[in-house]
Protein backbone atom coordinates (compact mmCIF):
# COMPACT_ATOMS: atom_id res chain seq x y z
CA UNK A 1 0.00 0.00 0.00
CA UNK A 2 1.23 3.47 -0.82
CA UNK A 3 2.28 5.14 2.43
CA UNK A 4 0.96 8.74 2.53
CA UNK A 5 3.60 9.73 5.09
CA UNK A 6 6.38 8.76 2.64
CA UNK A 7 5.05 10.88 -0.23
CA UNK A 8 7.13 13.87 0.86
CA UNK A 9 10.30 11.86 0.21
CA UNK A 10 9.66 12.14 -3.54
CA UNK A 11 8.63 15.79 -3.72
CA UNK A 12 11.93 17.16 -5.10
CA UNK A 13 12.23 14.51 -7.81
CA UNK A 14 8.62 14.97 -8.88
CA UNK A 15 8.99 18.73 -8.96
CA UNK A 16 12.11 18.48 -11.18
CA UNK A 17 10.24 16.23 -13.60
CA UNK A 18 7.17 18.50 -13.52
CA UNK A 19 9.34 21.55 -14.18
CA UNK A 20 10.56 19.99 -17.41
CA UNK A 21 7.04 19.05 -18.49
CA UNK A 22 5.36 22.33 -17.65
CA UNK A 23 5.91 25.84 -18.95
CA UNK A 24 6.35 27.64 -15.63
CA UNK A 25 7.24 27.17 -12.00
CA UNK A 26 3.61 27.68 -11.03
CA UNK A 27 2.39 25.07 -13.52
CA UNK A 28 4.96 22.61 -12.18
CA UNK A 29 3.80 23.21 -8.61
CA UNK A 30 0.18 22.77 -9.69
CA UNK A 31 1.04 19.54 -11.50
CA UNK A 32 2.78 18.07 -8.44
CA UNK A 33 -0.09 19.17 -6.22
CA UNK A 34 -2.67 17.64 -8.56
CA UNK A 35 -0.62 14.43 -8.68
CA UNK A 36 -0.60 14.17 -4.89
CA UNK A 37 -4.32 15.00 -4.73
CA UNK A 38 -5.13 12.19 -7.16
CA UNK A 39 -2.92 9.69 -5.34
CA UNK A 40 -4.33 10.54 -1.93
CA UNK A 41 -7.93 10.55 -3.17
CA UNK A 42 -7.71 6.95 -4.36
CA UNK A 43 -5.07 4.96 -2.46
CA UNK A 44 -3.66 2.03 -4.38
CA UNK A 45 -1.88 -1.15 -3.42
CA UNK A 46 1.50 -1.21 -5.14
CA UNK A 47 2.94 -4.49 -6.33
CA UNK A 48 6.64 -3.67 -6.27
CA UNK A 49 6.74 -1.00 -3.55
CA UNK A 50 7.80 1.41 -6.29
CA UNK A 51 6.33 4.66 -4.94
CA UNK A 52 8.35 6.98 -7.18
CA UNK A 53 7.56 5.06 -10.35
CA UNK A 54 3.88 5.09 -9.52
CA UNK A 55 3.95 8.82 -8.75
CA UNK A 56 5.74 9.58 -12.03
CA UNK A 57 3.12 7.60 -13.97
CA UNK A 58 0.30 9.44 -12.21
CA UNK A 59 2.01 12.78 -12.87
CA UNK A 60 2.52 11.97 -16.55
CA UNK A 61 -1.13 10.93 -16.93
CA UNK A 62 -2.26 14.06 -15.07
CA UNK A 63 -0.14 16.21 -17.38
CA UNK A 64 -1.55 14.54 -20.50
CA UNK A 65 -5.12 14.83 -19.22
CA UNK A 66 -4.59 18.52 -18.51
CA UNK A 67 -3.28 19.15 -22.01
CA UNK A 68 -6.17 17.29 -23.58
CA UNK A 69 -8.66 19.26 -21.51
CA UNK A 70 -6.95 22.55 -22.41
CA UNK A 71 -7.03 21.65 -26.11
CA UNK A 72 -10.82 21.23 -25.91
CA UNK A 73 -11.32 24.69 -24.39
CA UNK A 74 -11.85 27.65 -26.72
CA UNK A 75 -8.79 29.90 -27.03
CA UNK A 76 -9.07 33.65 -26.54
CA UNK A 77 -8.18 35.96 -29.39
CA UNK A 78 -5.72 37.90 -27.20
CA UNK A 79 -2.04 37.20 -26.63
CA UNK A 80 -1.01 34.16 -24.69
CA UNK A 81 0.80 34.36 -21.34
CA UNK A 82 4.20 33.81 -22.93
CA UNK A 83 3.63 36.70 -25.33
CA UNK A 84 3.13 39.22 -22.53
CA UNK A 85 6.83 39.51 -21.61
CA UNK A 86 6.10 39.89 -17.93
CA UNK A 87 9.06 40.79 -15.70
CA UNK A 88 10.75 37.79 -14.12
CA UNK A 89 11.09 37.44 -10.38
CA UNK A 90 14.31 36.03 -8.95
CA UNK A 91 14.47 32.27 -9.37
CA UNK A 92 11.16 32.03 -11.23
CA UNK A 93 12.42 31.51 -14.74
CA UNK A 94 15.31 29.41 -15.89
CA UNK A 95 18.24 30.99 -17.73
CA UNK A 96 18.58 30.94 -21.50
CA UNK A 97 20.64 27.73 -21.45
CA UNK A 98 18.11 25.99 -19.24
CA UNK A 99 15.24 27.17 -21.46
CA UNK A 100 16.96 25.67 -24.49
CA UNK A 101 17.50 22.34 -22.72
CA UNK A 102 13.92 22.26 -21.43
CA UNK A 103 12.62 23.14 -24.89
CA UNK A 104 14.70 20.35 -26.41
CA UNK A 105 13.36 17.85 -23.88
CA UNK A 106 9.77 18.96 -24.53
CA UNK A 107 10.32 18.48 -28.27
CA UNK A 108 11.23 14.81 -27.81
CA UNK A 109 8.74 12.10 -28.70
CA UNK A 110 6.82 10.95 -25.62
CA UNK A 111 8.56 7.59 -25.23
CA UNK A 112 12.01 9.24 -25.26
CA UNK A 113 10.94 12.14 -23.03
CA UNK A 114 9.50 9.80 -20.40
CA UNK A 115 12.73 7.81 -20.18
CA UNK A 116 14.87 10.95 -20.02
CA UNK A 117 12.67 12.42 -17.28
CA UNK A 118 12.77 9.22 -15.24
CA UNK A 119 16.53 8.65 -15.42
CA UNK A 120 18.17 12.06 -15.87
CA UNK A 121 15.68 14.35 -14.15
CA UNK A 122 14.09 12.17 -11.45
CA UNK A 123 17.32 10.24 -10.85
CA UNK A 124 15.88 6.74 -11.15
CA UNK A 125 18.09 3.78 -11.97
CA UNK A 126 17.53 1.94 -15.24
CA UNK A 127 15.76 -0.85 -13.34
CA UNK A 128 13.50 1.56 -11.47
CA UNK A 129 12.67 3.42 -14.68
CA UNK A 130 11.94 0.15 -16.48
CA UNK A 131 9.48 -0.88 -13.76
CA UNK A 132 7.91 2.59 -13.61
CA UNK A 133 7.43 2.85 -17.37
CA UNK A 134 6.63 -0.85 -17.75
CA UNK A 135 9.25 -1.50 -20.43
CA UNK A 136 12.39 -3.61 -20.54
CA UNK A 137 15.61 -2.35 -19.03
CA UNK A 138 17.39 -2.63 -22.38
CA UNK A 139 14.74 -0.43 -23.92
CA UNK A 140 15.50 2.18 -21.25
CA UNK A 141 19.14 2.25 -22.33
CA UNK A 142 18.41 2.56 -26.03
CA UNK A 143 15.69 5.20 -25.62
CA UNK A 144 17.84 7.18 -23.23
CA UNK A 145 20.75 7.08 -25.71
CA UNK A 146 18.48 8.31 -28.52
CA UNK A 147 16.86 10.96 -26.33
CA UNK A 148 20.22 12.34 -25.23
CA UNK A 149 21.44 12.39 -28.84
CA UNK A 150 18.32 14.25 -29.99
CA UNK A 151 18.72 16.82 -27.22
CA UNK A 152 22.39 17.25 -28.12
CA UNK A 153 21.53 17.71 -31.81
CA UNK A 154 18.82 20.22 -30.91
CA UNK A 155 21.35 22.20 -28.87
CA UNK A 156 24.04 21.90 -31.54
CA UNK A 157 26.48 19.98 -29.35
């Protein structure tokens, strides 16, 4: 059973992964909060005691559901939030280099992005990532290699 008192142990890793998925610090915080709300609303019995893997799956599904819901809503004719050029507060926005890396990760196909988030951002081992994403460990290695190469090509490295 997922232990609610141990959920705080994974907060930093989930936030790092959410920060890559979302467009702002606030969206990342909302995504992590929504993930915890969903997990706590319907407790599950975990088979492999893999709390972090389960939380990452829930966060990914929450993120996808949010994007699908947003796509169904009518868009306003005005400028979007990114087009407003609002002044940045200290620590709120990543630097130019970080923006490029985050943009490159967001541009990856979903299967590569998920592996990169699990291993490089959330710090999971290949075995943990394989269990969390429900794919073979060898697939983790090959997708991670391709994802890193695509990010490097995007950045011109």
